N, C-alpha and C. Protein backbone atom coordinates (compact mmCIF):
# COMPACT_ATOMS: atom_id res chain seq x y z
N MET A 1 -13.72 -38.66 -0.15
CA MET A 1 -13.64 -40.06 0.66
C MET A 1 -12.02 -40.14 0.41
N SER A 2 -11.29 -39.95 1.62
CA SER A 2 -9.90 -40.15 1.61
C SER A 2 -9.47 -41.88 1.85
N THR A 3 -8.67 -41.95 1.51
CA THR A 3 -7.91 -43.30 1.92
C THR A 3 -6.87 -43.41 2.73
N ILE A 4 -7.15 -43.72 3.96
CA ILE A 4 -6.37 -43.81 5.06
C ILE A 4 -5.49 -45.32 5.24
N ASN A 5 -4.57 -44.96 5.48
CA ASN A 5 -3.49 -46.67 5.24
C ASN A 5 -3.44 -47.15 4.20
N GLY A 6 -3.56 -46.73 2.70
CA GLY A 6 -3.89 -47.57 1.81
C GLY A 6 -5.36 -48.19 1.57
N ASN A 7 -6.42 -47.85 2.35
CA ASN A 7 -7.64 -48.70 2.29
C ASN A 7 -8.95 -47.44 2.27
N ARG A 8 -9.64 -48.07 1.47
CA ARG A 8 -11.00 -47.15 1.38
C ARG A 8 -12.26 -47.13 2.26
N TYR A 9 -12.76 -46.98 3.13
CA TYR A 9 -13.77 -47.04 4.08
C TYR A 9 -15.05 -46.23 3.58
N ASP A 10 -16.24 -46.83 4.25
CA ASP A 10 -17.39 -45.93 4.06
C ASP A 10 -17.70 -44.92 4.12
N PHE A 11 -17.02 -44.61 5.35
CA PHE A 11 -16.62 -43.47 6.11
C PHE A 11 -15.69 -43.23 6.43
N THR A 12 -15.21 -41.87 5.86
CA THR A 12 -13.82 -41.66 6.42
C THR A 12 -14.02 -39.78 6.95
N ASP A 13 -12.91 -39.23 7.68
CA ASP A 13 -13.01 -37.63 8.24
C ASP A 13 -11.70 -37.66 8.45
N VAL A 14 -11.07 -36.98 7.70
CA VAL A 14 -9.66 -36.81 8.22
C VAL A 14 -9.46 -34.81 8.62
N GLN A 15 -9.04 -34.51 9.73
CA GLN A 15 -9.34 -33.28 9.72
C GLN A 15 -7.59 -32.47 10.50
N LEU A 16 -7.28 -31.68 9.65
CA LEU A 16 -5.84 -31.10 10.53
C LEU A 16 -6.09 -30.10 10.67
N MET A 17 -5.97 -30.02 12.07
CA MET A 17 -6.09 -29.11 13.41
C MET A 17 -4.88 -27.95 13.54
N THR A 18 -4.89 -27.36 12.75
CA THR A 18 -3.89 -26.21 12.58
C THR A 18 -3.94 -24.70 13.67
N PRO A 19 -2.96 -24.50 14.10
CA PRO A 19 -3.36 -23.07 14.62
C PRO A 19 -4.46 -22.15 14.02
N GLY A 20 -4.32 -22.20 12.77
CA GLY A 20 -5.27 -20.94 12.24
C GLY A 20 -6.20 -21.78 11.73
N GLY A 21 -7.05 -23.12 12.27
CA GLY A 21 -8.24 -23.60 11.89
C GLY A 21 -7.92 -24.94 11.98
N VAL A 22 -9.31 -25.39 11.41
CA VAL A 22 -9.41 -27.02 11.14
C VAL A 22 -9.44 -26.94 9.67
N LEU A 23 -8.50 -27.50 8.89
CA LEU A 23 -8.73 -28.10 7.61
C LEU A 23 -9.44 -29.79 6.74
N THR A 24 -9.91 -29.71 5.67
CA THR A 24 -10.08 -31.03 5.55
C THR A 24 -9.91 -31.08 3.97
N GLY A 25 -10.29 -32.25 3.04
CA GLY A 25 -10.40 -32.25 1.80
C GLY A 25 -8.94 -33.03 1.15
N VAL A 26 -8.07 -33.74 2.65
CA VAL A 26 -6.95 -34.72 2.45
C VAL A 26 -7.36 -36.28 1.39
N LYS A 27 -6.98 -35.96 0.58
CA LYS A 27 -7.34 -37.03 -0.70
C LYS A 27 -6.96 -38.67 -0.12
N SER A 28 -5.13 -38.93 0.39
CA SER A 28 -4.93 -39.64 1.06
C SER A 28 -3.99 -39.90 2.01
N ILE A 29 -3.88 -40.47 2.86
CA ILE A 29 -2.70 -40.29 3.86
C ILE A 29 -2.49 -41.54 4.58
N SER A 30 -0.98 -42.01 4.99
CA SER A 30 -0.51 -42.88 5.74
C SER A 30 0.07 -42.88 6.38
N TYR A 31 0.48 -43.49 7.74
CA TYR A 31 1.35 -42.95 8.92
C TYR A 31 1.23 -44.75 9.20
N SER A 32 2.83 -44.55 10.43
CA SER A 32 2.88 -45.49 11.62
C SER A 32 3.70 -45.42 12.17
N HIS A 33 4.12 -46.24 13.11
CA HIS A 33 5.12 -46.14 14.26
C HIS A 33 5.81 -47.23 14.71
N GLU A 34 6.89 -47.20 15.11
CA GLU A 34 7.85 -48.53 15.68
C GLU A 34 8.21 -48.37 16.73
N ALA A 35 8.83 -49.34 17.81
CA ALA A 35 9.78 -48.87 18.95
C ALA A 35 10.17 -50.05 18.59
N PRO A 36 11.17 -50.37 17.71
CA PRO A 36 12.21 -51.33 18.01
C PRO A 36 12.89 -51.98 19.21
N ILE A 37 13.09 -52.86 19.21
CA ILE A 37 14.07 -53.53 19.76
C ILE A 37 15.35 -54.17 19.30
N GLU A 38 16.63 -54.34 19.31
CA GLU A 38 17.69 -54.69 19.29
C GLU A 38 18.45 -56.05 20.11
N ASP A 39 19.12 -56.89 19.53
CA ASP A 39 19.68 -57.97 20.43
C ASP A 39 21.10 -57.43 20.83
N THR A 40 21.43 -57.83 22.00
CA THR A 40 22.60 -57.90 22.42
C THR A 40 23.64 -58.49 22.62
N HIS A 41 24.64 -58.76 22.34
CA HIS A 41 25.23 -60.24 22.33
C HIS A 41 26.42 -60.20 23.20
N ASP A 42 26.77 -61.37 23.63
CA ASP A 42 28.09 -61.42 24.60
C ASP A 42 29.67 -61.53 23.91
N ASN A 43 30.73 -61.70 24.87
CA ASN A 43 31.73 -61.89 23.44
C ASN A 43 31.89 -62.66 23.38
N LYS A 44 30.97 -64.11 23.15
CA LYS A 44 31.10 -65.11 21.94
C LYS A 44 30.13 -64.97 20.63
N GLY A 45 29.45 -63.57 20.71
CA GLY A 45 28.32 -63.39 19.71
C GLY A 45 26.87 -64.21 20.06
N LYS A 46 26.73 -64.21 21.21
CA LYS A 46 25.56 -64.59 21.25
C LYS A 46 24.31 -64.05 22.02
N VAL A 47 23.37 -63.74 21.46
CA VAL A 47 22.25 -63.10 22.24
C VAL A 47 22.05 -63.35 23.72
N ASP A 48 22.35 -62.06 24.60
CA ASP A 48 22.08 -62.57 25.74
C ASP A 48 21.28 -61.05 26.01
N GLY A 49 20.56 -60.40 25.53
CA GLY A 49 19.62 -59.46 25.83
C GLY A 49 18.82 -58.53 24.40
N ALA A 50 18.13 -57.74 25.18
CA ALA A 50 17.96 -56.77 24.18
C ALA A 50 17.74 -55.16 24.90
N ILE A 51 17.72 -54.26 23.69
CA ILE A 51 17.58 -52.96 24.57
C ILE A 51 16.81 -52.19 23.24
N ARG A 52 16.02 -51.78 24.08
CA ARG A 52 14.57 -50.57 23.46
C ARG A 52 15.43 -49.40 22.50
N LYS A 53 15.10 -49.37 21.03
CA LYS A 53 15.51 -47.88 20.49
C LYS A 53 14.13 -47.00 20.52
N ASN A 54 14.86 -45.65 20.14
CA ASN A 54 13.78 -44.69 20.43
C ASN A 54 12.31 -44.93 19.18
N TYR A 55 11.37 -44.30 19.87
CA TYR A 55 10.09 -44.43 19.18
C TYR A 55 10.07 -43.51 18.42
N LYS A 56 9.59 -44.19 17.16
CA LYS A 56 9.29 -43.19 15.99
C LYS A 56 8.05 -43.19 15.39
N ALA A 57 7.59 -42.29 14.61
CA ALA A 57 6.04 -42.33 13.36
C ALA A 57 6.72 -40.99 13.08
N SER A 58 6.10 -41.41 11.86
CA SER A 58 5.61 -40.86 10.28
C SER A 58 4.78 -41.12 9.78
N GLY A 59 4.61 -40.16 8.20
CA GLY A 59 3.87 -40.60 7.36
C GLY A 59 3.90 -39.40 6.06
N SER A 60 2.06 -39.81 5.41
CA SER A 60 2.27 -38.72 4.20
C SER A 60 1.08 -38.63 4.16
N MET A 61 1.00 -37.80 3.18
CA MET A 61 -0.47 -37.60 2.44
C MET A 61 -0.33 -36.73 1.58
N GLU A 62 -1.51 -36.95 0.86
CA GLU A 62 -1.59 -36.32 -0.34
C GLU A 62 -3.18 -35.19 -0.23
N LEU A 63 -3.08 -33.69 -0.68
CA LEU A 63 -4.18 -33.15 -1.06
C LEU A 63 -4.05 -32.41 -2.33
N PRO A 64 -5.31 -31.87 -2.66
CA PRO A 64 -5.34 -31.16 -3.96
C PRO A 64 -4.64 -29.70 -3.43
N ARG A 65 -3.82 -29.03 -4.72
CA ARG A 65 -3.20 -28.25 -4.39
C ARG A 65 -3.54 -27.05 -3.56
N ALA A 66 -5.13 -26.61 -3.87
CA ALA A 66 -5.46 -25.74 -3.02
C ALA A 66 -5.64 -26.04 -1.76
N GLU A 67 -5.80 -26.67 -1.20
CA GLU A 67 -6.00 -27.87 0.03
C GLU A 67 -4.02 -27.62 0.96
N GLY A 68 -3.29 -27.42 -0.55
CA GLY A 68 -1.71 -27.56 0.82
C GLY A 68 -1.65 -26.07 0.65
N ASP A 69 -1.76 -25.10 0.09
CA ASP A 69 -1.90 -24.01 0.01
C ASP A 69 -2.87 -23.45 0.98
N ALA A 70 -3.65 -23.84 1.35
CA ALA A 70 -4.49 -23.55 2.64
C ALA A 70 -4.19 -24.30 3.96
N LEU A 71 -3.44 -25.38 3.73
CA LEU A 71 -2.64 -25.52 5.22
C LEU A 71 -1.21 -24.95 5.12
N ARG A 72 -0.55 -24.67 3.77
CA ARG A 72 0.66 -23.55 4.66
C ARG A 72 0.20 -22.39 5.04
N SER A 73 -0.68 -21.86 4.79
CA SER A 73 -1.75 -20.22 4.71
C SER A 73 -1.43 -20.81 6.61
N ALA A 74 -2.45 -21.84 6.97
CA ALA A 74 -2.95 -22.05 8.49
C ALA A 74 -1.88 -22.10 9.38
N LEU A 75 -0.45 -22.60 8.54
CA LEU A 75 0.91 -22.84 9.83
C LEU A 75 1.40 -22.05 9.70
N GLY A 76 1.37 -20.92 8.70
CA GLY A 76 2.12 -19.27 8.25
C GLY A 76 3.36 -19.89 8.55
N ALA A 77 4.42 -18.88 8.53
CA ALA A 77 5.74 -18.67 8.41
C ALA A 77 6.26 -19.87 9.07
N GLY A 78 7.46 -20.26 8.16
CA GLY A 78 8.06 -21.40 9.20
C GLY A 78 7.02 -22.74 9.27
N TYR A 79 6.16 -22.50 8.38
CA TYR A 79 5.12 -23.99 7.97
C TYR A 79 6.06 -25.95 8.43
N MET A 80 7.56 -25.57 8.49
CA MET A 80 7.54 -26.83 8.55
C MET A 80 8.42 -27.38 9.74
N ARG A 81 8.24 -26.20 10.50
CA ARG A 81 8.41 -26.13 12.28
C ARG A 81 7.39 -26.18 13.01
N VAL A 82 5.95 -25.96 12.17
CA VAL A 82 5.02 -25.44 13.29
C VAL A 82 4.43 -27.08 13.46
N PRO A 83 4.08 -27.55 14.88
CA PRO A 83 3.25 -28.41 15.03
C PRO A 83 1.99 -28.27 14.83
N PHE A 84 0.89 -29.26 14.61
CA PHE A 84 -0.32 -29.36 14.35
C PHE A 84 -0.56 -30.94 14.52
N SER A 85 -2.34 -31.27 14.57
CA SER A 85 -2.58 -32.66 15.00
C SER A 85 -3.28 -32.66 13.81
N ILE A 86 -3.46 -34.38 13.70
CA ILE A 86 -4.46 -34.40 12.25
C ILE A 86 -5.20 -35.68 13.40
N VAL A 87 -6.93 -35.67 12.89
CA VAL A 87 -7.79 -36.95 13.22
C VAL A 87 -8.00 -37.48 12.63
N CYS A 88 -8.01 -38.88 12.39
CA CYS A 88 -8.51 -39.56 11.35
C CYS A 88 -9.57 -40.51 11.80
N ALA A 89 -10.86 -40.40 11.08
CA ALA A 89 -12.10 -41.23 11.87
C ALA A 89 -12.21 -42.11 10.00
N TYR A 90 -12.44 -43.29 10.64
CA TYR A 90 -13.51 -44.37 9.52
C TYR A 90 -13.64 -45.24 9.85
N ALA A 91 -14.69 -46.04 9.34
CA ALA A 91 -15.37 -46.71 9.49
C ALA A 91 -16.46 -47.47 8.27
N ASN A 92 -16.63 -48.73 8.56
CA ASN A 92 -17.15 -49.20 7.11
C ASN A 92 -18.53 -49.59 7.40
N ASP A 93 -19.64 -49.72 6.66
CA ASP A 93 -21.21 -49.51 6.92
C ASP A 93 -21.35 -50.47 7.69
N GLY A 94 -22.34 -50.14 8.66
CA GLY A 94 -22.58 -50.86 10.05
C GLY A 94 -21.20 -51.24 11.15
N GLY A 95 -20.01 -51.28 10.78
CA GLY A 95 -19.24 -50.54 12.16
C GLY A 95 -18.88 -49.49 12.90
N ALA A 96 -18.05 -49.75 13.57
CA ALA A 96 -17.75 -49.01 14.90
C ALA A 96 -17.11 -47.74 13.86
N VAL A 97 -17.08 -46.77 14.18
CA VAL A 97 -16.29 -45.78 14.01
C VAL A 97 -14.80 -46.15 14.95
N THR A 98 -13.32 -45.55 13.93
CA THR A 98 -12.19 -45.88 14.59
C THR A 98 -11.60 -44.50 14.55
N VAL A 99 -10.78 -43.73 15.55
CA VAL A 99 -10.62 -42.77 15.13
C VAL A 99 -8.79 -42.64 15.92
N ASP A 100 -7.85 -42.24 14.70
CA ASP A 100 -6.85 -42.27 15.24
C ASP A 100 -6.41 -40.74 15.65
N THR A 101 -5.13 -40.44 16.12
CA THR A 101 -4.96 -39.11 16.58
C THR A 101 -3.22 -39.54 16.05
N LEU A 102 -2.88 -37.72 15.60
CA LEU A 102 -1.69 -37.69 15.44
C LEU A 102 -1.39 -36.46 15.84
N ASN A 103 -0.54 -36.75 17.31
CA ASN A 103 -0.22 -35.67 18.07
C ASN A 103 1.13 -34.82 17.54
N GLU A 104 1.21 -33.32 17.78
CA GLU A 104 2.71 -32.45 17.47
C GLU A 104 3.40 -33.25 15.67
N VAL A 105 2.08 -33.26 14.74
CA VAL A 105 2.95 -33.32 13.80
C VAL A 105 3.70 -32.55 13.00
N VAL A 106 4.44 -32.81 12.58
CA VAL A 106 5.56 -31.40 12.09
C VAL A 106 5.67 -32.07 10.58
N ILE A 107 5.39 -30.94 9.65
CA ILE A 107 6.12 -31.39 7.99
C ILE A 107 7.74 -31.45 7.87
N THR A 108 7.85 -32.54 7.55
CA THR A 108 9.33 -32.78 7.22
C THR A 108 9.89 -32.47 5.70
N LYS A 109 9.05 -32.78 4.82
CA LYS A 109 9.37 -32.71 3.48
C LYS A 109 7.98 -32.59 2.34
N GLU A 110 7.97 -31.70 1.29
CA GLU A 110 7.06 -31.53 0.18
C GLU A 110 7.38 -31.32 -0.95
N ASP A 111 6.48 -32.21 -1.75
CA ASP A 111 6.66 -32.18 -3.14
C ASP A 111 5.29 -31.77 -3.49
N GLY A 112 5.17 -30.37 -4.39
CA GLY A 112 4.70 -30.19 -4.94
C GLY A 112 3.52 -30.50 -6.36
N GLY A 113 4.69 -31.21 -6.88
CA GLY A 113 4.48 -31.49 -8.46
C GLY A 113 3.73 -32.58 -8.64
N GLY A 114 2.37 -33.42 -8.21
CA GLY A 114 1.54 -34.23 -8.19
C GLY A 114 0.69 -34.13 -9.02
N SER A 115 0.34 -35.11 -9.65
CA SER A 115 -1.08 -35.22 -10.07
C SER A 115 -1.69 -36.55 -10.18
N GLN A 116 -3.45 -36.68 -9.79
CA GLN A 116 -4.18 -37.52 -9.67
C GLN A 116 -5.16 -37.28 -9.80
N GLU A 117 -5.75 -38.12 -11.39
CA GLU A 117 -7.03 -38.01 -11.92
C GLU A 117 -7.63 -36.88 -12.12
N ASN A 118 -6.43 -36.09 -13.44
CA ASN A 118 -5.87 -34.70 -13.71
C ASN A 118 -6.27 -33.42 -12.74
N GLU A 119 -5.84 -33.95 -11.54
CA GLU A 119 -5.70 -32.61 -10.61
C GLU A 119 -4.89 -32.32 -10.16
N VAL A 120 -3.93 -31.04 -9.46
CA VAL A 120 -2.63 -30.90 -9.57
C VAL A 120 -2.99 -31.08 -8.13
N THR A 121 -1.56 -31.85 -7.03
CA THR A 121 -2.21 -32.13 -5.92
C THR A 121 -0.41 -31.84 -5.16
N ALA A 122 -0.74 -31.66 -3.89
CA ALA A 122 0.31 -31.00 -3.22
C ALA A 122 0.84 -32.28 -1.97
N LYS A 123 1.90 -32.81 -1.82
CA LYS A 123 2.22 -34.16 -1.17
C LYS A 123 3.22 -33.57 0.15
N PHE A 124 3.15 -34.31 0.87
CA PHE A 124 3.68 -33.82 2.36
C PHE A 124 4.30 -35.21 3.30
N GLU A 125 5.42 -34.85 3.81
CA GLU A 125 5.76 -36.15 4.72
C GLU A 125 5.92 -35.25 5.95
N PHE A 126 5.36 -36.14 6.99
CA PHE A 126 5.75 -35.86 8.33
C PHE A 126 6.24 -36.30 9.45
N ARG A 127 6.35 -35.85 10.68
CA ARG A 127 7.17 -36.58 11.36
C ARG A 127 5.45 -36.61 12.77
N ILE A 128 5.74 -37.66 12.98
CA ILE A 128 4.51 -37.38 14.81
C ILE A 128 5.55 -37.66 15.76
N LYS A 129 5.06 -37.04 16.50
CA LYS A 129 5.27 -37.33 17.98
C LYS A 129 4.73 -37.94 18.87
N GLU A 130 3.75 -38.24 18.49
CA GLU A 130 2.94 -39.51 19.05
C GLU A 130 1.53 -39.83 18.59
N LEU A 131 1.73 -41.36 17.78
CA LEU A 131 0.73 -42.06 16.99
C LEU A 131 0.08 -42.76 17.92
N LEU A 132 -1.62 -42.25 18.04
CA LEU A 132 -2.45 -43.08 19.18
C LEU A 132 -3.98 -43.75 18.05
N PRO A 133 -3.56 -44.87 17.52
CA PRO A 133 -4.22 -45.74 16.72
C PRO A 133 -5.79 -46.04 17.84
N ALA A 134 -6.59 -45.36 17.52
CA ALA A 134 -7.87 -45.94 18.32
C ALA A 134 -7.62 -45.46 19.57
N GLY A 135 -6.51 -44.25 19.93
CA GLY A 135 -7.21 -44.07 21.12
C GLY A 135 -6.18 -44.19 22.25
N VAL A 136 -5.17 -45.20 21.56
CA VAL A 136 -4.14 -45.84 22.69
C VAL A 136 -2.84 -45.83 22.67
N SER A 137 -2.05 -45.37 23.39
CA SER A 137 -0.41 -45.51 23.55
C SER A 137 0.25 -46.19 23.04
N ALA A 138 1.16 -46.31 22.36
CA ALA A 138 1.89 -47.51 21.97
C ALA A 138 3.28 -47.91 23.22
N ILE A 139 3.09 -46.77 23.73
CA ILE A 139 4.62 -46.75 24.80
C ILE A 139 4.22 -45.74 25.98
N LYS A 140 4.68 -45.67 27.28
CA LYS A 140 4.00 -45.61 28.55
C LYS A 140 5.04 -44.19 28.59
């Protein structure tokens, strides 16, 4: 059972959709996105408007070491430059299933020295080109 954004659900299914095939086994995954707005000021220092900054989405995940090795192999040489997608489905008993899609994920950092519950793990940080929480785009 995976942890998604720090929450445990009665049902979870996290699939890494790589060029080398679909991988599972993610222990935990967290992701977020933002579309910040910055105030603009007049020559007297008063706020007179706002400008939109660039959309950013990122996340991290932890896998058993063997699954981390499988991810690297599935992405192949240059794996930190190869985009893939992640599909996270989750629900509590009796509730509707929510599906979040992370499109064009690219690994930006790897830490292979983790240990959780006596199991060696691999940790990856990633950039997301587009995050679709419950299938809805945050920007047009």
